Amino acid sequence: MSKFGNYVKESYDELVHKVSWPTFKELQSSAIVVAVAALILAVVIFLMDFVFGVQNGGWHGILGFIYDIIR
């Protein structure tokens, strides 16, 4: 049990005294960067899904629509 208590004590000491926590301003800017990156990724995935479409459903994407016109 002494090892566990020592682990908790050292963990607390490290979190309080040795870790450099970001300021609120840095945290806000990082959150904005993550939100913008997630939005860009979501748009790219949506566009890929829209272009290639669902193969078993009624919609086959833009490429499927073009292939249907060509046939």
Protein backbone atom coordinates (compact mmCIF):
# COMPACT_ATOMS: atom_id res chain seq x y z
CA MET A 1 0.00 0.00 0.00
CA SER A 2 2.98 2.27 0.57
CA LYS A 3 3.88 2.11 -3.15
CA PHE A 4 0.39 3.23 -4.15
CA GLY A 5 0.46 6.14 -1.71
CA ASN A 6 3.88 7.17 -3.00
CA TYR A 7 2.57 6.97 -6.59
CA VAL A 8 -0.38 9.23 -5.79
CA LYS A 9 1.84 11.72 -3.95
CA GLU A 10 4.38 11.89 -6.80
CA SER A 11 1.63 12.15 -9.42
CA TYR A 12 0.05 15.06 -7.57
CA ASP A 13 3.44 16.77 -7.18
CA GLU A 14 4.15 16.39 -10.88
CA LEU A 15 0.73 17.71 -11.95
CA VAL A 16 0.91 20.72 -9.65
CA HIS A 17 4.57 21.72 -9.89
CA LYS A 18 6.09 20.30 -13.07
CA VAL A 19 3.34 20.41 -15.72
CA SER A 20 3.01 23.64 -17.65
CA TRP A 21 -0.70 24.20 -18.16
CA PRO A 22 -1.88 26.37 -21.08
CA THR A 23 -3.46 29.72 -20.39
CA PHE A 24 -7.14 30.25 -21.15
CA LYS A 25 -6.21 32.26 -24.25
CA GLU A 26 -3.96 29.46 -25.56
CA LEU A 27 -6.70 26.94 -24.83
CA GLN A 28 -9.24 29.00 -26.78
CA SER A 29 -6.99 29.33 -29.82
CA SER A 30 -6.24 25.60 -29.80
CA ALA A 31 -9.94 24.79 -29.56
CA ILE A 32 -10.67 27.05 -32.54
CA VAL A 33 -7.96 25.33 -34.59
CA VAL A 34 -9.40 21.91 -33.74
CA ALA A 35 -12.96 23.02 -34.55
CA VAL A 36 -11.92 24.45 -37.94
CA ALA A 37 -9.92 21.32 -38.80
CA ALA A 38 -12.87 19.11 -37.85
CA LEU A 39 -15.22 21.23 -39.98
CA ILE A 40 -12.89 21.02 -42.99
CA LEU A 41 -12.58 17.25 -42.57
CA ALA A 42 -16.37 16.89 -42.29
CA VAL A 43 -16.89 18.89 -45.49
CA VAL A 44 -14.31 16.80 -47.36
CA ILE A 45 -15.93 13.56 -46.21
CA PHE A 46 -19.38 14.89 -47.14
CA LEU A 47 -18.18 15.85 -50.61
CA MET A 48 -16.55 12.45 -51.14
CA ASP A 49 -19.75 10.75 -50.03
CA PHE A 50 -21.84 12.99 -52.26
CA VAL A 51 -19.63 12.42 -55.31
CA PHE A 52 -19.23 8.65 -54.96
CA GLY A 53 -22.66 8.07 -53.46
CA VAL A 54 -24.37 5.07 -51.97
CA GLN A 55 -23.95 2.04 -54.22
CA ASN A 56 -26.98 0.00 -53.08
CA GLY A 57 -29.49 2.80 -52.67
CA GLY A 58 -31.23 5.01 -55.20
CA TRP A 59 -28.50 7.63 -55.26
CA HIS A 60 -25.21 6.62 -56.86
CA GLY A 61 -23.45 9.92 -56.50
CA ILE A 62 -22.53 12.42 -59.17
CA LEU A 63 -20.28 9.91 -60.92
CA GLY A 64 -23.12 7.35 -61.01
CA PHE A 65 -25.42 10.01 -62.45
CA ILE A 66 -22.87 10.81 -65.17
CA TYR A 67 -22.42 7.10 -65.96
CA ASP A 68 -26.22 6.68 -66.25
CA ILE A 69 -26.34 9.57 -68.75
CA ILE A 70 -23.46 8.13 -70.80
CA ARG A 71 -25.04 4.65 -71.04
